[in-house]
Amino acid sequence: MIDLQHVNKWYGQYHALNDVTNQVKKGEVVVVCGPSGSGKSTMIRTLNRLEPIQGGRIFVNGEDIHAVGRDINVLRAGIGFVFQQFNLFPHLSARENVMLSPLKVAGMTKAEASELAAGLLEKVGLGHRIDSMPAQLSGGQQQRVAIARALAQKSPLILFDEPTSALDPEMVGEVLSVMKQLAAEGMTMVVVTHEMGFAQEVADRIWFMDAGQILEDSLPAEFFSNPQHPRARKFLSDVLEPRGAATLPY
């Protein structure tokens, strides 16, 4: 599904991504973790060309997404993206936010898009709030609308860039619950997150990043019980509660 080949990116003199090479298979859930400034969000944003790269190649479904001449709108229509800050249109209802892509990109009729949006909002537990405006919704509810909007693209891949970091702690669980459901249904997902309980329960693989590199690529059981890289060991000791990630509530 995703193939990163020797990807490099600089911000001026700062080497944000340093020869990143890895793959994500169809149906996998890959959780990307690491300290702030490690390159996690930069990496995930290169996967749908929100960020350009200066070296290497990235293939999604066999397409070189950074190739010259690629239609960026067609590209992004096939890759769902859930942002940290929701990015809902404040003047549109939950239903209307989810309808936008089916109407503008997929060419659905208004009736078809409305029916799809209603079904997806029901799926994420917001069937009773479909006509609410974003300002009338909690942060967790807004993020669930954003997930429904990503699902409306009917793409086989969804990228999550720290989807719970802007939420109050009591709202995190409702968003992670929806993500767990998508993972169980076989959705291919790349998730940048610090939610280690989610990573341990749902991820197929953990990528640990630091200094713009993937320093560790492990199964969750291996990563949490016996991380190989010293930076990964320090990261886990810093972020995990004394009782351990397996019992962290969400």
Protein backbone atom coordinates (compact mmCIF):
# COMPACT_ATOMS: atom_id res chain seq x y z
CA MET A 1 0.00 0.00 0.00
CA ILE A 2 2.83 2.41 0.93
CA ASP A 3 6.47 2.16 -0.10
CA LEU A 4 8.95 4.78 1.10
CA GLN A 5 12.31 4.60 -0.63
CA HIS A 6 15.23 6.63 0.76
CA VAL A 7 13.04 9.67 1.51
CA ASN A 8 14.84 12.86 2.50
CA LYS A 9 13.47 16.25 3.44
CA TRP A 10 15.12 19.44 4.63
CA TYR A 11 13.81 22.66 6.13
CA GLY A 12 16.72 24.90 5.21
CA GLN A 13 19.71 23.28 6.90
CA TYR A 14 17.55 21.07 9.13
CA HIS A 15 17.39 17.46 7.94
CA ALA A 16 13.80 16.60 8.90
CA LEU A 17 13.66 13.17 7.21
CA ASN A 18 16.89 11.27 6.81
CA ASP A 19 16.85 8.39 4.29
CA VAL A 20 13.50 6.99 5.46
CA THR A 21 12.77 3.59 3.92
CA ASN A 22 9.90 1.30 4.91
CA GLN A 23 6.64 -0.24 3.70
CA VAL A 24 3.04 -0.55 4.88
CA LYS A 25 1.00 -3.52 3.68
CA LYS A 26 -2.68 -3.43 2.81
CA GLY A 27 -4.79 -3.82 5.95
CA GLU A 28 -1.96 -3.00 8.35
CA VAL A 29 -2.20 -0.54 11.22
CA VAL A 30 1.18 1.14 11.70
CA VAL A 31 1.61 3.41 14.72
CA VAL A 32 4.40 5.98 14.46
CA CYS A 33 5.75 7.26 17.76
CA GLY A 34 8.72 9.18 19.03
CA PRO A 35 9.66 12.41 20.80
CA SER A 36 8.58 15.84 19.60
CA GLY A 37 10.56 16.97 16.59
CA SER A 38 11.46 13.42 15.55
CA GLY A 39 9.92 13.74 12.07
CA LYS A 40 6.68 11.80 12.68
CA SER A 41 4.23 14.41 11.42
CA THR A 42 6.55 15.49 8.62
CA MET A 43 6.76 11.90 7.43
CA ILE A 44 3.02 11.28 7.46
CA ARG A 45 2.35 14.57 5.67
CA THR A 46 4.65 13.53 2.82
CA LEU A 47 2.37 10.54 2.20
CA ASN A 48 -0.28 12.73 0.58
CA ARG A 49 2.01 15.56 -0.53
CA LEU A 50 1.06 18.02 2.15
CA GLU A 51 4.86 18.27 2.41
CA PRO A 52 7.24 18.01 -0.56
CA ILE A 53 10.36 15.87 -0.42
CA GLN A 54 13.83 16.65 -1.73
CA GLY A 55 15.05 13.09 -2.21
CA GLY A 56 13.77 9.55 -2.61
CA ARG A 57 10.40 8.28 -3.79
CA ILE A 58 7.05 7.46 -2.18
CA PHE A 59 4.61 5.03 -3.78
CA VAL A 60 0.98 4.70 -2.66
CA ASN A 61 -0.95 1.92 -4.37
CA GLY A 62 1.86 1.70 -6.89
CA GLU A 63 1.68 5.40 -7.82
CA ASP A 64 4.72 7.65 -7.39
CA ILE A 65 2.89 10.41 -5.55
CA HIS A 66 5.69 12.97 -5.78
CA ALA A 67 6.26 12.47 -9.50
CA VAL A 68 6.20 15.63 -11.59
CA GLY A 69 2.82 16.20 -13.21
CA ARG A 70 0.76 14.20 -10.74
CA ASP A 71 -2.68 15.77 -10.14
CA ILE A 72 -2.54 16.56 -6.44
CA ASN A 73 -6.34 16.73 -6.06
CA VAL A 74 -6.84 13.29 -7.62
CA LEU A 75 -4.05 11.98 -5.41
CA ARG A 76 -5.54 13.30 -2.17
CA ALA A 77 -9.01 12.05 -3.09
CA GLY A 78 -7.64 8.53 -2.68
CA ILE A 79 -5.96 9.08 0.70
CA GLY A 80 -7.97 9.98 3.80
CA PHE A 81 -6.31 12.32 6.28
CA VAL A 82 -7.41 13.14 9.83
CA PHE A 83 -5.72 16.22 11.27
CA GLN A 84 -4.86 17.15 14.82
CA GLN A 85 -7.09 20.24 14.75
CA PHE A 86 -10.20 18.73 13.02
CA ASN A 87 -10.27 21.40 10.23
CA LEU A 88 -14.05 21.30 9.87
CA PHE A 89 -15.78 24.10 7.98
CA PRO A 90 -17.45 26.10 10.78
CA HIS A 91 -20.34 27.32 8.61
CA LEU A 92 -21.36 23.80 7.57
CA SER A 93 -23.20 21.19 9.64
CA ALA A 94 -21.68 17.82 10.44
CA ARG A 95 -23.63 16.28 7.55
CA GLU A 96 -22.56 19.02 5.14
CA ASN A 97 -18.89 18.68 6.12
CA VAL A 98 -19.00 14.96 5.33
CA MET A 99 -20.92 15.54 2.07
CA LEU A 100 -18.30 17.85 0.55
CA SER A 101 -15.94 15.26 -0.91
CA PRO A 102 -18.68 13.02 -2.36
CA LEU A 103 -20.27 16.08 -3.99
CA LYS A 104 -17.17 17.87 -5.25
CA VAL A 105 -14.84 14.97 -6.02
CA ALA A 106 -16.94 11.83 -6.51
CA GLY A 107 -19.74 13.61 -8.37
CA MET A 108 -22.57 12.23 -6.25
CA THR A 109 -25.97 13.85 -6.26
CA LYS A 110 -26.94 15.79 -3.17
CA ALA A 111 -29.36 13.06 -2.14
CA GLU A 112 -26.68 10.36 -2.53
CA ALA A 113 -24.09 12.36 -0.61
CA SER A 114 -26.56 13.14 2.16
CA GLU A 115 -27.43 9.45 2.55
CA LEU A 116 -23.76 8.50 2.63
CA ALA A 117 -22.95 11.20 5.20
CA ALA A 118 -25.84 10.14 7.45
CA GLY A 119 -24.63 6.53 7.37
CA LEU A 120 -21.04 7.44 8.15
CA LEU A 121 -22.00 9.75 11.00
CA GLU A 122 -24.11 6.92 12.41
CA LYS A 123 -21.05 4.67 12.09
CA VAL A 124 -18.95 7.02 14.24
CA GLY A 125 -21.72 7.38 16.82
CA LEU A 126 -23.07 10.76 15.74
CA GLY A 127 -26.31 9.83 14.00
CA HIS A 128 -28.17 12.05 16.46
CA ARG A 129 -25.97 15.10 15.71
CA ILE A 130 -25.89 15.10 11.90
CA ASP A 131 -27.33 18.60 11.60
CA SER A 132 -25.28 20.14 14.42
CA MET A 133 -22.76 22.85 13.63
CA PRO A 134 -19.12 22.29 14.66
CA ALA A 135 -19.41 24.92 17.40
CA GLN A 136 -22.20 22.85 18.96
CA LEU A 137 -20.02 19.73 19.16
CA SER A 138 -17.34 18.71 21.64
CA GLY A 139 -13.77 18.26 20.48
CA GLY A 140 -14.18 14.49 20.43
CA GLN A 141 -17.38 14.78 18.40
CA GLN A 142 -15.71 17.14 15.93
CA GLN A 143 -12.84 14.69 15.47
CA ARG A 144 -15.32 11.89 14.83
CA VAL A 145 -16.95 14.06 12.14
CA ALA A 146 -13.47 14.49 10.66
CA ILE A 147 -13.04 10.70 10.59
CA ALA A 148 -16.43 10.32 8.89
CA ARG A 149 -15.31 12.93 6.35
CA ALA A 150 -12.17 10.90 5.63
CA LEU A 151 -14.25 7.73 5.24
CA ALA A 152 -16.54 9.52 2.78
CA GLN A 153 -13.67 9.53 0.27
CA LYS A 154 -13.95 5.71 0.20
CA SER A 155 -10.18 5.54 0.15
CA PRO A 156 -8.35 2.33 1.14
CA LEU A 157 -5.91 4.28 3.33
CA ILE A 158 -6.37 6.77 6.16
CA LEU A 159 -3.55 8.78 7.75
CA PHE A 160 -3.98 10.11 11.30
CA ASP A 161 -1.71 12.92 12.49
CA GLU A 162 -1.94 12.96 16.30
CA PRO A 163 -5.77 12.79 16.17
CA THR A 164 -6.25 12.99 19.96
CA SER A 165 -3.58 15.48 21.01
CA ALA A 166 -5.93 18.48 20.83
CA LEU A 167 -8.64 16.77 22.89
CA ASP A 168 -9.46 16.97 26.56
CA PRO A 169 -8.50 13.66 28.23
CA GLU A 170 -12.09 12.55 28.74
CA MET A 171 -12.79 12.85 24.99
CA VAL A 172 -9.83 10.76 23.82
CA GLY A 173 -11.54 7.42 24.34
CA GLU A 174 -14.46 8.09 22.02
CA VAL A 175 -12.11 8.86 19.12
CA LEU A 176 -9.83 5.89 19.79
CA SER A 177 -12.88 3.64 19.92
CA VAL A 178 -13.83 4.62 16.37
CA MET A 179 -10.25 4.07 15.21
CA LYS A 180 -10.22 0.62 16.83
CA GLN A 181 -13.41 -0.23 14.94
CA LEU A 182 -11.84 0.82 11.62
CA ALA A 183 -8.75 -1.27 12.36
CA ALA A 184 -10.92 -4.30 13.11
CA GLU A 185 -12.65 -3.83 9.75
CA GLY A 186 -9.31 -4.03 7.93
CA MET A 187 -8.69 -0.38 7.09
CA THR A 188 -5.06 0.41 6.26
CA MET A 189 -4.00 3.09 8.75
CA VAL A 190 -0.85 5.01 9.58
CA VAL A 191 -1.29 6.71 12.96
CA VAL A 192 1.05 9.25 14.53
CA THR A 193 0.18 9.19 18.22
CA HIS A 194 1.43 9.20 21.81
CA GLU A 195 -1.48 6.96 22.88
CA MET A 196 0.58 3.94 23.84
CA GLY A 197 -2.38 1.91 25.08
CA PHE A 198 -3.96 2.20 21.64
CA ALA A 199 -0.65 1.32 20.00
CA GLN A 200 -0.22 -1.80 22.11
CA GLU A 201 -3.75 -3.06 21.51
CA VAL A 202 -4.40 -2.11 17.88
CA ALA A 203 -1.11 -1.68 15.98
CA ASP A 204 0.30 -4.40 13.76
CA ARG A 205 3.67 -2.65 13.82
CA ILE A 206 5.34 0.21 15.68
CA TRP A 207 7.70 2.61 13.97
CA PHE A 208 9.83 4.53 16.45
CA MET A 209 11.29 7.72 15.00
CA ASP A 210 13.95 10.13 16.20
CA ALA A 211 16.16 12.64 14.38
CA GLY A 212 14.25 12.09 11.14
CA GLN A 213 14.92 8.35 11.03
CA ILE A 214 12.96 5.17 11.74
CA LEU A 215 15.18 3.72 14.46
CA GLU A 216 12.97 0.76 15.30
CA ASP A 217 10.31 -1.21 13.39
CA SER A 218 8.80 -3.79 15.73
CA LEU A 219 5.78 -5.82 16.62
CA PRO A 220 3.98 -4.16 19.56
CA ALA A 221 4.78 -6.98 21.98
CA GLU A 222 8.47 -6.72 21.16
CA PHE A 223 8.54 -2.93 21.24
CA PHE A 224 6.91 -2.61 24.64
CA SER A 225 8.66 -5.55 26.30
CA ASN A 226 12.14 -5.27 24.83
CA PRO A 227 12.85 -2.15 22.72
CA GLN A 228 16.20 -2.49 20.99
CA HIS A 229 17.29 1.11 20.48
CA PRO A 230 18.42 3.17 23.50
CA ARG A 231 16.31 6.13 22.35
CA ALA A 232 13.23 3.90 22.19
CA ARG A 233 13.90 2.64 25.72
CA LYS A 234 14.19 6.20 27.02
CA PHE A 235 11.05 7.28 25.17
CA LEU A 236 9.00 4.48 26.69
CA SER A 237 10.31 5.18 30.16
CA ASP A 238 9.29 8.83 29.74
CA VAL A 239 5.77 8.31 28.35
CA LEU A 240 4.46 5.21 30.10
CA GLU A 241 2.70 5.33 33.41
CA PRO A 242 4.28 3.20 36.15
CA ARG A 243 1.59 0.55 35.69
CA GLY A 244 2.43 0.19 31.98
CA ALA A 245 0.83 0.86 28.63
CA ALA A 246 -1.27 -2.30 28.67
CA THR A 247 -3.48 -0.93 31.45
CA LEU A 248 -3.68 2.68 30.36
CA PRO A 249 -7.39 3.59 30.20
CA TYR A 250 -8.94 5.00 27.03
